[in-house]
C-alpha cells in the first residue's frame, strides 16, 4: 500500500472529526484508486458520528461525479441499505449519493 494511502487511513482513524472530514473530502476529490476510495468511504459511512458517516456517503456520490465510474455491484446495494436507515440524515445522504451515481455513471 502506498504511503499516501497509509497516511489517509491514519487520518480517517483520528478522534478529531475535522481531520476525518478533511481526509474524506481529499479522498473523494484526489484519489485515483477508486476501489480503495470506495472501501474507505463505505467503512467511514458506518461511523457512529452522523456528520462523518453522512459526508462519507456524499463522497461516494462525488467519486461517481468526478470519475464517471463506481463499482455499482458493491456501492449501490450498500447505499440502498443506508437509504432504509431510520436516521434521516443517513437516509437522505445515501439517496443523494445514489442519485449522483445514476446521473454520472
Foldseek 3Di string as FASTA:
>chain_A
DDPVLVVLVVQCPDPDVVSNLVSLVCLLPPPPPQVSNLVSLLVQLPPPDLVRVLSSLLSLLSNCQVVVDHPCVPLVVSLVVQLPDPDPSSNVSSVVSVVSNVVRD
